Protein backbone atom coordinates (compact mmCIF):
# COMPACT_ATOMS: atom_id res chain seq x y z
CA UNK A 1 27.90 -3.70 -3.99
CA UNK A 2 24.45 -4.79 -4.27
CA UNK A 3 22.33 -4.44 -1.39
CA UNK A 4 22.31 -7.73 1.01
CA UNK A 5 19.78 -10.46 0.23
CA UNK A 6 18.48 -10.26 3.56
CA UNK A 7 19.31 -7.59 5.42
CA UNK A 8 18.37 -8.19 8.87
CA UNK A 9 20.91 -11.46 8.52
CA UNK A 10 23.43 -9.73 6.64
CA UNK A 11 23.92 -7.00 9.52
CA UNK A 12 25.20 -10.04 11.94
CA UNK A 13 27.10 -12.13 9.46
CA UNK A 14 30.70 -12.79 9.68
CA UNK A 15 32.99 -15.60 9.14
CA UNK A 16 32.35 -17.20 12.73
CA UNK A 17 28.57 -17.14 12.14
CA UNK A 18 28.29 -18.15 8.49
CA UNK A 19 26.90 -21.77 9.34
CA UNK A 20 24.18 -19.89 11.68
CA UNK A 21 23.81 -17.33 8.45
CA UNK A 22 23.05 -20.42 6.11
CA UNK A 23 20.57 -21.85 8.67
CA UNK A 24 18.29 -19.05 8.77
CA UNK A 25 18.56 -18.65 5.11
CA UNK A 26 17.68 -22.15 4.71
CA UNK A 27 14.75 -21.94 7.18
CA UNK A 28 13.39 -19.02 5.29
CA UNK A 29 13.79 -20.00 2.05
CA UNK A 30 11.98 -23.88 3.27
CA UNK A 31 8.92 -20.89 5.26
CA UNK A 32 8.30 -19.16 1.95
CA UNK A 33 8.23 -21.61 -0.87
CA UNK A 34 5.97 -24.50 -1.70
CA UNK A 35 8.86 -25.88 -3.65
CA UNK A 36 11.37 -28.79 -2.92
CA UNK A 37 14.48 -27.17 -2.56
CA UNK A 38 16.72 -30.19 -3.22
CA UNK A 39 16.04 -31.89 -6.34
CA UNK A 40 16.32 -35.30 -6.07
CA UNK A 41 16.92 -37.96 -8.63
CA UNK A 42 19.05 -41.32 -9.44
CA UNK A 43 22.34 -42.09 -9.88
CA UNK A 44 23.88 -45.47 -10.58
CA UNK A 45 25.76 -47.78 -8.40
CA UNK A 46 26.82 -51.31 -8.41
CA UNK A 47 23.35 -52.76 -7.59
CA UNK A 48 21.44 -50.92 -10.12
CA UNK A 49 20.01 -47.28 -8.84
CA UNK A 50 19.83 -45.82 -5.48
CA UNK A 51 18.58 -42.36 -4.55
CA UNK A 52 20.77 -39.37 -4.38
CA UNK A 53 21.14 -35.48 -5.10
CA UNK A 54 22.38 -34.48 -8.22
CA UNK A 55 24.60 -31.04 -8.15
CA UNK A 56 22.20 -28.74 -11.00
CA UNK A 57 24.03 -26.84 -13.60
CA UNK A 58 22.24 -24.91 -16.57
CA UNK A 59 24.46 -26.08 -19.76
CA UNK A 60 24.93 -23.22 -22.46
CA UNK A 61 24.59 -20.00 -20.07
CA UNK A 62 27.47 -17.29 -20.83
CA UNK A 63 28.89 -15.75 -18.01
CA UNK A 64 27.95 -12.62 -17.08
CA UNK A 65 29.84 -9.68 -18.60
CA UNK A 66 29.96 -12.08 -21.96
CA UNK A 67 25.75 -12.03 -21.05
CA UNK A 68 25.55 -7.95 -20.71
CA UNK A 69 27.83 -7.64 -23.81
CA UNK A 70 25.52 -9.97 -26.02
CA UNK A 71 22.40 -8.20 -24.58
CA UNK A 72 23.57 -4.25 -25.51
CA UNK A 73 24.80 -5.55 -28.91
CA UNK A 74 21.45 -7.21 -29.52
CA UNK A 75 19.75 -4.49 -28.46
CA UNK A 76 21.68 -1.96 -31.12
CA UNK A 77 20.95 -4.51 -33.90
CA UNK A 78 17.47 -5.57 -33.26
CA UNK A 79 15.08 -4.05 -35.76
CA UNK A 80 13.08 -1.04 -35.01
CA UNK A 81 9.84 -2.09 -33.25
CA UNK A 82 6.47 0.20 -34.09
CA UNK A 83 6.28 2.67 -30.83
CA UNK A 84 3.01 2.08 -28.67
CA UNK A 85 2.12 5.81 -28.53
CA UNK A 86 1.57 5.84 -32.40
CA UNK A 87 -1.19 2.89 -32.46
CA UNK A 88 -3.90 4.44 -33.70
CA UNK A 89 -7.55 3.29 -32.45
CA UNK A 90 -7.70 -0.10 -31.01
CA UNK A 91 -7.96 1.72 -27.20
CA UNK A 92 -9.41 -1.19 -25.76
CA UNK A 93 -6.85 -3.67 -26.49
CA UNK A 94 -4.20 -1.03 -25.54
CA UNK A 95 -5.77 -0.19 -22.17
CA UNK A 96 -6.14 -4.27 -21.34
CA UNK A 97 -2.59 -4.61 -22.16
CA UNK A 98 -1.61 -1.01 -19.95
CA UNK A 99 -3.09 -3.03 -17.28
CA UNK A 100 -1.60 -6.44 -17.23
CA UNK A 101 1.73 -4.18 -17.01
CA UNK A 102 1.09 -2.36 -14.27
CA UNK A 103 -0.42 -4.90 -12.23
CA UNK A 104 1.13 -8.75 -13.56
CA UNK A 105 -1.25 -10.52 -11.55
CA UNK A 106 -4.39 -9.84 -13.72
CA UNK A 107 -3.26 -12.60 -15.67
CA UNK A 108 -2.75 -11.72 -19.27
CA UNK A 109 -4.88 -10.84 -22.04
CA UNK A 110 -6.43 -12.52 -25.08
CA UNK A 111 -6.92 -10.41 -28.19
CA UNK A 112 -9.21 -11.68 -30.82
CA UNK A 113 -10.32 -10.09 -33.61
CA UNK A 114 -9.91 -9.28 -37.36
CA UNK A 115 -7.19 -9.99 -39.06
CA UNK A 116 -4.86 -7.23 -40.32
CA UNK A 117 -6.03 -4.99 -37.29
CA UNK A 118 -2.09 -4.66 -35.58
CA UNK A 119 -2.91 -6.98 -32.96
CA UNK A 120 0.73 -8.59 -33.17
CA UNK A 121 2.19 -4.94 -33.64
CA UNK A 122 0.58 -3.45 -30.37
CA UNK A 123 1.76 -6.16 -28.43
CA UNK A 124 5.24 -6.03 -29.40
CA UNK A 125 4.97 -2.64 -29.19
CA UNK A 126 4.95 -3.02 -25.76
CA UNK A 127 8.77 -4.16 -25.18
CA UNK A 128 9.79 -0.13 -24.84
CA UNK A 129 7.26 0.66 -22.06
CA UNK A 130 8.41 -2.58 -20.12
CA UNK A 131 9.99 -1.30 -16.77
CA UNK A 132 12.96 -2.68 -15.16
CA UNK A 133 13.33 -5.27 -12.84
CA UNK A 134 16.06 -6.37 -10.31
CA UNK A 135 17.58 -9.92 -11.66
CA UNK A 136 20.48 -12.10 -10.33
CA UNK A 137 23.33 -11.49 -13.14
CA UNK A 138 24.01 -14.49 -15.53
CA UNK A 139 21.02 -16.50 -14.11
CA UNK A 140 18.96 -17.76 -17.16
CA UNK A 141 15.47 -17.94 -15.12
CA UNK A 142 15.75 -13.93 -14.38
CA UNK A 143 15.75 -14.68 -10.45
CA UNK A 144 14.50 -12.30 -8.47
CA UNK A 145 17.32 -11.60 -5.44
CA UNK A 146 14.56 -10.54 -3.01
CA UNK A 147 12.14 -13.33 -3.46
CA UNK A 148 12.58 -16.70 -2.80
CA UNK A 149 9.32 -17.93 -4.76
CA UNK A 150 10.95 -16.75 -7.93
CA UNK A 151 14.52 -17.88 -7.45
CA UNK A 152 15.93 -20.52 -9.90
CA UNK A 153 17.86 -23.58 -8.33
CA UNK A 154 21.47 -22.43 -8.61
CA UNK A 155 20.13 -19.24 -6.94
CA UNK A 156 18.19 -21.04 -4.04
CA UNK A 157 21.41 -23.37 -3.42
CA UNK A 158 23.96 -20.53 -3.25
CA UNK A 159 21.49 -18.49 -0.97
CA UNK A 160 21.50 -22.04 1.03
CA UNK A 161 25.10 -22.15 1.28
CA UNK A 162 25.20 -18.73 2.89
CA UNK A 163 26.06 -16.72 -0.01
CA UNK A 164 24.80 -13.14 0.62
CA UNK A 165 26.85 -11.37 -2.23
CA UNK A 166 24.74 -12.36 -5.51
CA UNK A 167 25.84 -10.13 -8.27
CA UNK A 168 22.33 -8.03 -9.07
CA UNK A 169 21.59 -5.70 -11.58
CA UNK A 170 18.60 -4.16 -13.16
CA UNK A 171 16.74 -5.23 -16.66
CA UNK A 172 13.62 -4.98 -19.04
CA UNK A 173 11.31 -7.19 -18.35
CA UNK A 174 11.31 -10.08 -21.21
CA UNK A 175 9.10 -10.69 -23.96
CA UNK A 176 9.04 -14.35 -25.38
CA UNK A 177 7.61 -15.21 -28.81
CA UNK A 178 6.39 -18.52 -28.39
CA UNK A 179 6.06 -20.23 -31.77
CA UNK A 180 3.22 -22.25 -32.79
CA UNK A 181 5.74 -25.09 -34.28
CA UNK A 182 8.12 -24.70 -31.30
CA UNK A 183 8.47 -28.57 -29.38
CA UNK A 184 7.73 -29.56 -26.13
CA UNK A 185 11.60 -29.43 -25.40
CA UNK A 186 12.29 -26.05 -26.51
CA UNK A 187 9.43 -24.89 -24.72
CA UNK A 188 9.67 -26.81 -21.53
CA UNK A 189 13.86 -27.04 -21.48
CA UNK A 190 16.08 -30.37 -21.62
CA UNK A 191 17.72 -32.84 -19.27
CA UNK A 192 21.06 -34.48 -20.73
CA UNK A 193 20.48 -37.89 -19.79
CA UNK A 194 23.74 -39.10 -20.29
CA UNK A 195 25.45 -36.56 -18.18
CA UNK A 196 23.08 -37.14 -15.20
CA UNK A 197 23.66 -40.86 -15.63
CA UNK A 198 27.74 -40.57 -15.95
CA UNK A 199 28.62 -37.66 -13.89
CA UNK A 200 25.76 -37.19 -11.33
CA UNK A 201 25.03 -33.76 -12.56
CA UNK A 202 21.65 -32.35 -13.69
CA UNK A 203 22.72 -30.78 -17.07
CA UNK A 204 19.97 -28.91 -17.81
CA UNK A 205 19.01 -26.43 -20.76
CA UNK A 206 16.49 -23.55 -19.73
CA UNK A 207 13.41 -23.41 -22.25
CA UNK A 208 11.13 -20.73 -23.41
CA UNK A 209 9.17 -20.70 -19.74
CA UNK A 210 12.64 -20.17 -17.77
CA UNK A 211 13.23 -17.08 -20.35
CA UNK A 212 9.55 -15.65 -19.46
CA UNK A 213 9.57 -16.05 -15.88
CA UNK A 214 8.49 -12.86 -14.72
CA UNK A 215 8.13 -11.46 -18.12
CA UNK A 216 5.70 -12.15 -21.07
CA UNK A 217 4.68 -15.17 -23.25
CA UNK A 218 3.04 -13.84 -26.15
CA UNK A 219 1.47 -16.57 -28.30
CA UNK A 220 0.30 -15.39 -31.82
CA UNK A 221 -2.56 -17.29 -33.44
CA UNK A 222 -3.03 -18.89 -29.87
CA UNK A 223 -6.09 -20.86 -30.89
CA UNK A 224 -3.79 -22.77 -33.44
CA UNK A 225 -1.37 -24.07 -30.61
CA UNK A 226 -0.94 -27.87 -30.36
CA UNK A 227 -2.74 -29.55 -27.76
CA UNK A 228 0.27 -30.66 -25.92
CA UNK A 229 1.53 -27.31 -25.92
CA UNK A 230 -1.70 -25.81 -24.51
CA UNK A 231 -1.51 -28.76 -21.44
CA UNK A 232 1.82 -27.10 -21.02
CA UNK A 233 1.17 -23.65 -20.91
CA UNK A 234 -2.00 -24.59 -18.48
CA UNK A 235 -0.04 -26.37 -16.03
CA UNK A 236 2.87 -23.20 -15.67
CA UNK A 237 0.00 -20.72 -15.84
CA UNK A 238 -1.82 -22.71 -13.00
CA UNK A 239 1.39 -23.04 -10.62
CA UNK A 240 3.83 -20.58 -11.79
CA UNK A 241 6.23 -23.88 -11.89
CA UNK A 242 7.58 -25.55 -14.65
CA UNK A 243 8.74 -29.26 -13.75
CA UNK A 244 10.72 -31.28 -16.46
CA UNK A 245 10.81 -35.29 -16.27
CA UNK A 246 12.91 -37.52 -17.74
CA UNK A 247 14.39 -41.17 -17.12
CA UNK A 248 13.46 -40.53 -13.07
CA UNK A 249 15.09 -37.18 -13.02
CA UNK A 250 13.09 -34.24 -12.37
CA UNK A 251 13.96 -30.30 -12.20
CA UNK A 252 11.81 -27.82 -11.32
CA UNK A 253 11.97 -24.09 -12.00
CA UNK A 254 9.88 -21.01 -11.40
CA UNK A 255 7.51 -19.90 -14.32
CA UNK A 256 5.53 -17.03 -13.48
CA UNK A 257 4.81 -14.96 -16.83
CA UNK A 258 2.21 -12.53 -18.04
CA UNK A 259 0.32 -14.71 -20.90
CA UNK A 260 -0.78 -12.59 -23.91
CA UNK A 261 -2.49 -14.56 -27.06
CA UNK A 262 -4.00 -13.08 -29.87
CA UNK A 263 -5.73 -14.82 -32.68
CA UNK A 264 -8.94 -14.53 -35.25
CA UNK A 265 -12.27 -16.47 -34.40
CA UNK A 266 -12.96 -17.30 -37.78
CA UNK A 267 -10.08 -19.78 -37.22
CA UNK A 268 -11.39 -22.02 -34.35
CA UNK A 269 -12.45 -21.39 -30.60
CA UNK A 270 -9.84 -21.79 -27.73
CA UNK A 271 -9.99 -24.55 -25.37
CA UNK A 272 -12.44 -23.18 -21.97
CA UNK A 273 -9.69 -24.35 -19.98
CA UNK A 274 -6.91 -22.08 -21.87
CA UNK A 275 -9.19 -19.08 -22.26
CA UNK A 276 -10.27 -19.01 -18.47
CA UNK A 277 -6.38 -18.70 -17.89
CA UNK A 278 -5.94 -15.01 -19.40
CA UNK A 279 -7.19 -12.47 -17.09
CA UNK A 280 -8.79 -10.27 -19.49
CA UNK A 281 -10.35 -10.56 -22.97
CA UNK A 282 -10.04 -7.72 -25.74
CA UNK A 283 -12.09 -7.68 -28.91
CA UNK A 284 -10.53 -5.83 -31.77
CA UNK A 285 -12.53 -4.98 -34.85
CA UNK A 286 -11.92 -3.30 -38.09
CA UNK A 287 -11.42 0.28 -38.24
CA UNK A 288 -14.22 1.62 -40.32
CA UNK A 289 -13.79 5.27 -40.39
CA UNK A 290 -12.22 6.14 -44.19
CA UNK A 291 -10.37 9.45 -42.27
CA UNK A 292 -8.81 7.13 -39.58
CA UNK A 293 -8.15 4.57 -41.86
CA UNK A 294 -6.11 6.76 -44.21
CA UNK A 295 -4.14 8.20 -41.20
CA UNK A 296 -3.21 4.28 -40.62
CA UNK A 297 -1.95 3.62 -43.66
CA UNK A 298 0.06 7.25 -43.75
CA UNK A 299 1.69 6.74 -40.19
CA UNK A 300 2.62 2.92 -40.80
CA UNK A 301 4.39 4.15 -44.37
CA UNK A 302 6.47 7.05 -42.41
CA UNK A 303 7.64 4.20 -40.13
CA UNK A 304 8.82 1.80 -42.97
CA UNK A 305 10.48 4.36 -44.94
CA UNK A 306 12.52 5.67 -41.79
CA UNK A 307 12.33 3.79 -38.71
CA UNK A 308 14.43 5.63 -36.55
CA UNK A 309 13.16 8.73 -37.84
CA UNK A 310 9.43 7.52 -37.08
CA UNK A 311 10.98 6.34 -33.69
CA UNK A 312 12.36 9.77 -32.61
CA UNK A 313 9.11 11.56 -33.44
CA UNK A 314 7.19 9.66 -30.59
CA UNK A 315 9.77 9.51 -28.11
CA UNK A 316 8.44 12.19 -26.21
CA UNK A 317 5.30 10.76 -25.97
CA UNK A 318 6.74 7.15 -25.06
CA UNK A 319 8.74 8.57 -22.53
CA UNK A 320 5.63 10.14 -20.81
CA UNK A 321 3.91 6.83 -21.17
CA UNK A 322 6.97 4.98 -19.60
CA UNK A 323 6.75 7.47 -16.35
CA UNK A 324 3.03 6.82 -15.86
CA UNK A 325 3.43 3.36 -15.94
CA UNK A 326 6.07 3.76 -13.49
CA UNK A 327 4.48 5.93 -11.27
CA UNK A 328 1.11 3.60 -11.64
CA UNK A 329 3.14 0.54 -10.58
CA UNK A 330 4.70 2.40 -7.64
CA UNK A 331 1.14 3.63 -6.32
CA UNK A 332 -0.73 0.57 -6.92
CA UNK A 333 -0.61 -0.50 -3.36
CA UNK A 334 -2.17 2.59 -2.06
CA UNK A 335 -5.22 1.93 -4.21
CA UNK A 336 -8.19 1.54 -2.16
CA UNK A 337 -11.58 -0.01 -3.38
CA UNK A 338 -15.06 0.65 -1.29
CA UNK A 339 -16.51 -2.76 0.31
CA UNK A 340 -20.16 -1.63 -1.46
CA UNK A 341 -18.12 -1.79 -4.70
CA UNK A 342 -16.72 -5.09 -4.27
CA UNK A 343 -20.32 -6.34 -3.29
CA UNK A 344 -21.47 -5.27 -6.25
CA UNK A 345 -18.86 -6.74 -8.37
CA UNK A 346 -19.60 -10.17 -6.97
CA UNK A 347 -23.13 -9.69 -7.35
CA UNK A 348 -22.77 -8.77 -10.97
CA UNK A 349 -20.73 -11.94 -11.22
CA UNK A 350 -23.19 -14.39 -9.60
CA UNK A 351 -26.07 -13.02 -11.75
CA UNK A 352 -24.42 -13.97 -14.89
CA UNK A 353 -23.38 -17.31 -13.71
CA UNK A 354 -19.80 -17.06 -13.85
CA UNK A 355 -18.14 -20.02 -12.72
CA UNK A 356 -15.66 -19.65 -10.07
CA UNK A 357 -13.80 -16.39 -7.99
CA UNK A 358 -11.59 -15.57 -11.06
CA UNK A 359 -13.63 -13.38 -12.34
CA UNK A 360 -14.39 -11.21 -9.03
CA UNK A 361 -10.60 -11.23 -8.36
CA UNK A 362 -9.47 -9.80 -12.01
CA UNK A 363 -11.95 -7.23 -12.09
CA UNK A 364 -11.23 -5.93 -8.59
CA UNK A 365 -7.65 -6.08 -9.78
CA UNK A 366 -7.89 -4.26 -13.41
CA UNK A 367 -9.98 -1.58 -11.28
CA UNK A 368 -7.36 -0.67 -9.24
CA UNK A 369 -4.93 -0.90 -11.77
CA UNK A 370 -6.90 1.48 -14.05
CA UNK A 371 -7.54 4.03 -10.84
CA UNK A 372 -3.50 4.27 -10.22
CA UNK A 373 -3.00 4.57 -14.16
CA UNK A 374 -4.88 7.37 -13.86
CA UNK A 375 -3.21 8.89 -10.84
CA UNK A 376 -5.95 8.11 -8.04
CA UNK A 377 -6.01 5.96 -5.05
CA UNK A 378 -9.61 5.58 -4.86
CA UNK A 379 -11.43 3.11 -7.42
CA UNK A 380 -14.65 4.94 -8.92
CA UNK A 381 -17.89 3.10 -10.64
CA UNK A 382 -16.64 4.50 -13.69
CA UNK A 383 -13.17 2.47 -13.58
CA UNK A 384 -15.24 -0.63 -13.11
CA UNK A 385 -17.58 -0.05 -15.86
CA UNK A 386 -14.38 0.54 -18.03
CA UNK A 387 -12.86 -3.17 -16.96
CA UNK A 388 -15.67 -5.38 -16.35
CA UNK A 389 -16.80 -5.85 -20.30
CA UNK A 390 -12.99 -7.34 -20.56
CA UNK A 391 -12.68 -8.94 -17.22
CA UNK A 392 -15.75 -11.39 -17.62
CA UNK A 393 -17.05 -11.60 -21.35
CA UNK A 394 -14.92 -14.95 -22.25
CA UNK A 395 -16.19 -16.22 -18.68
CA UNK A 396 -19.44 -16.30 -19.62
CA UNK A 397 -20.96 -19.79 -20.58
CA UNK A 398 -21.50 -19.97 -24.29
CA UNK A 399 -25.50 -20.13 -25.50
CA UNK A 400 -25.26 -21.14 -29.16
CA UNK A 401 -29.12 -19.42 -29.74
CA UNK A 402 -27.64 -16.16 -28.29
CA UNK A 403 -27.21 -13.27 -30.71
CA UNK A 404 -26.35 -10.61 -28.64
CA UNK A 405 -22.72 -9.93 -27.80
CA UNK A 406 -21.33 -11.03 -24.46
CA UNK A 407 -19.69 -7.80 -23.54
CA UNK A 408 -23.21 -6.29 -24.12
CA UNK A 409 -24.66 -8.53 -21.35
CA UNK A 410 -22.24 -7.58 -18.92
CA UNK A 411 -22.68 -4.11 -19.42
CA UNK A 412 -26.52 -4.27 -19.24
CA UNK A 413 -26.07 -6.16 -16.18
CA UNK A 414 -23.38 -3.68 -14.80
CA UNK A 415 -26.02 -1.05 -14.78
CA UNK A 416 -28.69 -2.80 -13.65
CA UNK A 417 -27.01 -3.91 -10.32
CA UNK A 418 -25.07 -0.72 -9.81
CA UNK A 419 -27.92 1.78 -10.49
């Protein structure tokens, strides 16, 4: 049996105290989430419409056993992924991705660079390194059994009714690909209006944002994404929630994800509002060294010829990297950064005229994640020097007459302040 959702309440739970436990759970949930717990809508009556409450149900959600069997079958049949440890070069991109896996609150990565430089391959190779998380079995929102802020509607309702025995399992953090041609309904989810009006049930089919909750949402060629989908991503990334409104019926569910985008700057620039939502920005260039290019070509040929054998040859390095990430995530809370270093980080942001405070926050988080990845409990100046260009370069105001790279501007200002 999984551990109780709220141990303090479970210890005194009995049939005679069920109403009190339910009331306590209701109070805790109400205090810990800013979203309404009851999803209100309109149901038909003889005189038209009246306010009422719907029961929420998810359509096309398989049973727990069926879901686990399908997941294990898919894992066996899925095409092999290129190992992360086998990626040659592109250290800046790999570091940004690893730091976001260690601390998802950094806010994601925007990867821009030449075509054919391995951007998509590197992002998708993260799948093997993603750690396990605790989820409620059969829930399409990957609900966290311990955090009401990332519980789906059904799980919250069960907790409100005093159900303390939620079936819990561990699962890999999911990575969801957002296709450029996806419709808004496919991204946000759909409501069956007919079923809602005739049966008084909110039949909701979750979309990609629900699947990406507590995971990674990857958008390849993000600079070609339709504006209406960009607006949806902006809203969800800002609030951590996705709200679907159809014919006076509203459903909200948690949608907290690491947003990773990649693209070629020659194909168009990103809207500043979306660019600012990415915590870090990595620039990728074509490898110019002939020997390194040959090595990349040979490694890719080996993988194409025997994917399983190639992955097996990197198994030890992959496992070592997994352990390093797991250890870094566990020790992240113990990492400290001196007040003097915080002040200097903010001074750099101020003198570069960075709008808002996201640059300060992300730089502090990324420096801590890097220190934790290196096995230290204190941030050094070198940690800050490594991450600050990636955290600030995309937040600088663009000057069309400026020929110098924005990353170099950040580095120059860093050495000026920290010297």
